Protein backbone atom coordinates (compact mmCIF):
# COMPACT_ATOMS: atom_id res chain seq x y z
CA MET A 1 27.55 9.81 -67.01
CA ARG A 2 27.34 10.38 -63.26
CA GLY A 3 30.55 12.52 -63.32
CA ARG A 4 29.21 14.73 -66.09
CA HIS A 5 25.93 15.25 -64.29
CA LEU A 6 27.76 16.31 -61.13
CA ALA A 7 29.92 18.77 -63.01
CA LEU A 8 26.91 20.24 -64.76
CA GLY A 9 25.03 20.46 -61.45
CA GLY A 10 27.97 22.23 -59.84
CA GLY A 11 27.97 24.82 -62.57
CA ILE A 12 24.28 25.55 -62.18
CA VAL A 13 24.66 25.93 -58.41
CA ALA A 14 27.51 28.38 -58.88
CA LEU A 15 25.45 30.39 -61.40
CA LEU A 16 22.47 30.57 -59.00
CA ALA A 17 24.71 31.61 -56.13
CA ALA A 18 25.99 34.50 -58.17
CA LEU A 19 22.49 35.63 -59.11
CA VAL A 20 20.80 35.45 -55.65
CA PRO A 21 22.66 38.39 -54.02
CA VAL A 22 21.74 40.65 -56.93
CA GLN A 23 18.03 39.76 -56.61
CA THR A 24 18.05 40.19 -52.80
CA SER A 25 19.70 43.62 -52.88
CA SER A 26 17.20 44.96 -55.39
CA ALA A 27 14.13 43.57 -53.64
CA ALA A 28 11.81 45.63 -51.44
CA PRO A 29 12.54 45.55 -47.69
CA ALA A 30 11.74 42.10 -46.34
CA PRO A 31 8.72 41.83 -44.03
CA ALA A 32 10.70 39.76 -41.47
CA PRO A 33 11.65 42.72 -39.23
CA ALA A 34 8.03 43.80 -39.01
CA THR A 35 7.01 40.29 -38.01
CA THR A 36 9.71 40.24 -35.30
CA THR A 37 8.54 43.60 -33.97
CA ALA A 38 4.92 42.43 -33.82
CA THR A 39 5.95 39.35 -31.84
CA THR A 40 7.92 41.48 -29.40
CA ARG A 41 4.90 43.71 -28.74
CA VAL A 42 2.82 40.71 -27.68
CA MET A 43 5.32 39.66 -24.98
CA PRO A 44 4.27 42.12 -22.22
CA ALA A 45 0.81 40.47 -22.10
CA ALA A 46 2.44 37.24 -20.90
CA ALA A 47 4.13 39.12 -18.07
CA SER A 48 0.73 39.79 -16.47
CA THR A 49 -0.07 36.07 -16.08
CA PRO A 50 1.50 35.57 -12.60
CA ALA A 51 -0.62 38.38 -11.14
CA SER A 52 -3.81 36.64 -12.29
CA SER A 53 -2.78 33.40 -10.51
CA ALA A 54 -2.15 35.04 -7.11
CA THR A 55 -3.87 33.28 -4.21
CA VAL A 56 -7.17 34.77 -3.12
CA TYR A 57 -7.84 34.23 0.58
CA ALA A 58 -11.03 33.68 2.52
CA PRO A 59 -11.93 36.02 5.40
CA ARG A 60 -9.98 35.44 8.60
CA ILE A 61 -11.11 32.53 10.75
CA PRO A 62 -12.32 33.57 14.21
CA THR A 63 -9.55 33.34 16.87
CA VAL A 64 -6.97 32.37 14.21
CA THR A 65 -4.50 34.98 12.95
CA ARG A 66 -1.46 32.81 12.18
CA TRP A 67 -2.88 31.52 8.90
CA ARG A 68 -5.40 32.40 6.25
CA VAL A 69 -6.91 29.78 3.99
CA PRO A 70 -7.60 30.03 0.24
CA VAL A 71 -11.05 31.22 -0.77
CA ARG A 72 -11.92 27.73 -2.02
CA VAL A 73 -11.84 26.48 1.60
CA ARG A 74 -15.35 26.71 3.06
CA GLN A 75 -15.08 24.26 5.97
CA VAL A 76 -12.56 24.52 8.79
CA ILE A 77 -12.01 22.54 11.98
CA VAL A 78 -10.07 24.41 14.66
CA VAL A 79 -8.50 22.44 17.52
CA ARG A 80 -7.26 24.59 20.42
CA ALA A 81 -5.41 23.77 23.63
CA SER A 82 -4.37 26.02 26.49
CA ASN A 83 -0.71 24.93 26.37
CA TRP A 84 1.71 22.54 24.65
CA SER A 85 1.68 19.81 27.30
CA THR A 86 -2.03 19.36 27.98
CA THR A 87 -3.90 16.38 26.57
CA TYR A 88 -7.22 18.26 26.55
CA GLY A 89 -8.56 20.77 24.06
CA THR A 90 -11.64 21.91 22.18
CA LEU A 91 -12.72 21.32 18.61
CA THR A 92 -14.80 23.88 16.72
CA LEU A 93 -16.41 23.54 13.30
CA TYR A 94 -16.65 26.62 11.10
CA SER A 95 -18.28 26.97 7.69
CA ARG A 96 -18.93 29.72 5.18
CA THR A 97 -20.64 30.20 1.83
CA THR A 98 -19.37 33.44 0.30
CA GLY A 99 -19.07 35.70 3.33
CA ALA A 100 -17.77 35.45 6.88
CA TRP A 101 -17.27 32.26 8.85
CA HIS A 102 -19.93 31.06 11.25
CA ARG A 103 -19.53 28.57 14.07
CA VAL A 104 -21.33 25.26 13.64
CA ALA A 105 -20.40 23.49 16.90
CA THR A 106 -17.78 23.33 19.66
CA TRP A 107 -16.95 20.12 21.55
CA PRO A 108 -14.35 18.78 24.01
CA ALA A 109 -11.38 16.97 22.44
CA ARG A 110 -8.45 14.82 23.54
CA LEU A 111 -4.90 15.17 22.20
CA GLY A 112 -1.65 13.20 22.25
CA TYR A 113 -0.52 11.74 25.59
CA THR A 114 2.46 14.12 25.64
CA GLY A 115 0.57 17.14 24.29
CA MET A 116 1.39 18.93 21.05
CA VAL A 117 4.39 20.01 19.02
CA ILE A 118 4.85 22.04 15.83
CA GLY A 119 4.32 19.59 13.00
CA ALA A 120 7.73 20.07 11.35
CA LYS A 121 9.43 19.13 14.64
CA ARG A 122 7.38 16.03 15.38
CA VAL A 123 9.04 12.64 15.83
CA GLN A 124 7.23 9.35 15.29
CA ASP A 125 6.10 7.52 18.44
CA SER A 126 6.49 10.70 20.54
CA GLY A 127 2.80 10.75 21.46
CA LYS A 128 2.46 14.37 20.31
CA THR A 129 -0.30 15.87 18.20
CA PRO A 130 1.16 17.93 15.32
CA ALA A 131 0.26 21.63 15.38
CA GLY A 132 -0.34 23.16 11.97
CA GLN A 133 -2.96 23.34 9.23
CA TYR A 134 -3.73 20.26 7.15
CA PRO A 135 -6.26 19.19 4.51
CA ILE A 136 -8.79 16.44 5.17
CA THR A 137 -9.28 14.35 2.05
CA GLN A 138 -10.43 10.88 3.12
CA THR A 139 -12.35 9.10 5.87
CA PHE A 140 -12.80 5.57 7.11
CA GLY A 141 -14.40 3.51 9.83
CA ARG A 142 -15.19 0.06 11.15
CA LEU A 143 -18.88 0.87 10.76
CA ALA A 144 -20.84 1.62 7.60
CA ASN A 145 -20.63 5.10 6.09
CA PRO A 146 -22.74 7.34 8.38
CA GLY A 147 -23.60 9.63 5.46
CA THR A 148 -20.40 11.46 4.63
CA ARG A 149 -19.76 12.88 1.17
CA MET A 150 -16.04 12.33 1.61
CA ALA A 151 -14.27 9.27 0.24
CA TYR A 152 -15.05 6.61 2.86
CA THR A 153 -13.54 3.16 3.39
CA LYS A 154 -15.27 0.62 5.63
CA VAL A 155 -12.20 -1.07 7.09
CA THR A 156 -11.67 -4.68 8.03
CA THR A 157 -8.80 -6.53 9.69
CA ASN A 158 -7.14 -6.57 6.25
CA HIS A 159 -6.86 -2.76 6.21
CA TRP A 160 -3.66 -1.30 7.66
CA TRP A 161 -2.16 2.15 8.07
CA VAL A 162 1.50 1.75 7.14
CA GLU A 163 3.92 3.15 9.73
CA ASP A 164 6.85 0.92 8.76
CA ARG A 165 9.74 3.35 8.13
CA ARG A 166 11.26 1.00 5.55
CA SER A 167 8.13 0.79 3.42
CA ALA A 168 7.48 2.64 0.16
CA TYR A 169 3.86 2.92 1.38
CA TYR A 170 4.68 4.82 4.57
CA ASN A 171 1.73 6.88 5.86
CA GLN A 172 -0.82 5.28 3.54
CA MET A 173 -3.75 2.93 3.92
CA ARG A 174 -2.95 -0.45 2.43
CA LEU A 175 -4.34 -3.97 2.44
CA GLY A 176 -2.29 -6.54 4.28
CA THR A 177 -2.71 -8.91 1.33
CA GLN A 178 -0.97 -6.34 -0.90
CA GLY A 179 2.23 -6.56 1.16
CA GLY A 180 5.09 -4.10 0.99
CA PHE A 181 5.37 -3.55 4.76
CA ALA A 182 5.84 -5.52 7.97
CA LEU A 183 2.55 -7.11 9.03
CA ARG A 184 2.90 -6.53 12.76
CA THR A 185 1.28 -4.24 15.30
CA ARG A 186 4.12 -4.12 17.83
CA GLY A 187 7.72 -3.03 17.57
CA PHE A 188 9.77 -0.28 15.97
CA ASN A 189 8.41 -0.67 12.44
CA SER A 190 4.91 -1.81 13.29
CA SER A 191 1.72 -0.50 11.69
CA GLU A 192 -1.92 -0.05 12.67
CA ARG A 193 -4.42 -2.76 11.82
CA LEU A 194 -7.39 -0.47 11.42
CA GLY A 195 -10.19 -2.99 11.81
CA SER A 196 -8.74 -4.23 15.11
CA MET A 197 -8.35 -0.87 16.86
CA GLY A 198 -11.69 -0.82 18.66
CA ALA A 199 -14.53 1.67 18.78
CA GLN A 200 -12.20 4.66 18.44
CA TYR A 201 -11.94 3.78 14.75
CA ASP A 202 -15.65 3.28 14.24
CA TYR A 203 -15.46 6.67 12.50
CA ALA A 204 -12.32 8.58 11.52
CA ALA A 205 -11.06 11.30 9.20
CA VAL A 206 -7.47 11.28 7.95
CA ILE A 207 -5.51 14.42 8.85
CA ASP A 208 -3.08 14.95 5.97
CA PHE A 209 -0.09 15.52 8.23
CA ASN A 210 3.23 14.40 6.68
CA ARG A 211 1.57 13.37 3.43
CA PRO A 212 1.40 12.90 0.48
CA LYS A 213 5.22 13.26 0.43
CA PRO A 214 6.16 12.03 3.90
CA VAL A 215 9.37 12.63 5.82
CA ILE A 216 10.23 9.17 7.14
CA GLY A 217 10.25 9.15 10.91
CA ARG A 218 8.16 12.31 11.36
CA GLY A 219 5.02 10.30 11.92
CA ALA A 220 2.18 8.48 10.25
CA GLY A 221 -1.44 7.73 10.95
CA ILE A 222 -2.64 11.04 12.41
CA PHE A 223 -6.44 11.00 12.48
CA LEU A 224 -9.47 12.75 13.87
CA HIS A 225 -11.40 9.86 15.42
CA ALA A 226 -13.84 8.84 18.14
CA PHE A 227 -12.84 8.80 21.81
CA GLY A 228 -10.81 5.87 23.00
CA SER A 229 -9.84 5.19 26.63
CA GLY A 230 -8.10 8.55 27.16
CA ALA A 231 -5.38 10.61 25.50
CA THR A 232 -4.33 9.62 21.98
CA ALA A 233 -0.98 8.59 20.48
CA GLY A 234 -0.90 11.87 18.52
CA CYS A 235 -4.36 12.04 16.97
CA VAL A 236 -7.31 14.24 17.91
CA SER A 237 -10.37 12.49 19.34
CA ILE A 238 -13.93 13.55 20.10
CA ARG A 239 -17.08 11.86 21.32
CA HIS A 240 -18.43 9.02 19.17
CA ASP A 241 -21.66 10.77 18.13
CA HIS A 242 -19.77 14.00 17.49
CA MET A 243 -17.39 12.17 15.16
CA ALA A 244 -20.30 10.74 13.19
CA ALA A 245 -21.73 14.27 12.92
CA VAL A 246 -18.39 15.61 11.64
CA LEU A 247 -18.32 12.98 8.89
CA ARG A 248 -21.86 13.90 7.81
CA TRP A 249 -20.88 17.58 7.81
CA LEU A 250 -17.66 17.27 5.80
CA ASP A 251 -17.96 18.11 2.12
CA PRO A 252 -15.08 17.52 -0.33
CA ALA A 253 -16.37 20.41 -2.47
CA ALA A 254 -15.64 22.73 0.48
CA SER A 255 -11.95 21.70 0.62
CA PRO A 256 -12.04 21.09 4.40
CA ARG A 257 -8.99 21.78 6.57
CA ILE A 258 -8.07 21.27 10.20
CA LEU A 259 -6.04 23.85 12.14
CA ILE A 260 -4.34 22.67 15.35
CA GLY A 261 -2.41 24.55 18.00
CA THR A 262 -2.39 26.28 21.32
CA VAL A 263 -4.49 29.40 21.76
CA ALA A 264 -1.33 31.54 21.64
CA TYR A 265 0.10 29.69 18.63
CA LEU A 266 -3.10 30.07 16.59
CA ALA A 267 -3.33 33.78 17.36
CA PRO A 268 0.19 35.08 18.09
């Protein structure tokens, strides 16, 4: 029975195959070409998408011509030095709403103990502050939050900043109890134990240099923090009360950035 059914089925298929071409040739023109044409006409609209996503920039920042920042940035910290080797500079806060920038404050600052270097050329443990422009996205301190709207971590002796070149957590804050890096403060692959660093870390803002995708060996733990005993190891420092004021001023909704360089580098 199965063989007969197959033979009969084969005959029906052959009969249908013979009839289909006749029906197709006598039918009215198929609508498919019109559909294809309509789809093709829509395509040019997609080509205009990149133009609509072009970056819109804020007005130029006073004394800075090297860079412009996106319009979403409404808070900027500018750190200037007279030359690449000095350990002294100034820090100026600028803010804007919808129009031009206005200066909020200017204060003395200290830099790395060997001055500054362009960020992409920096080497870890060189004592140089990295020149460039970087976001500020998180803050921390040994003391309670002074009133900042930024993400703030009150650090203890269990909080570390990982500078171990072998660690997957390089250039991140991490608890010592979480492991994943060498728990030591001295030596080639040591890290910073934040709660044990003294009053300079009473208040600090993380400068997003070499993060979130770090180049191992370029440097880790670059902060804006309170004055220590003198020049820094590559950070930027300001007076204790000024640092508390900066934290209260910073607003994550304003996408704050810090711009660092010599006077000539910032305005070539």
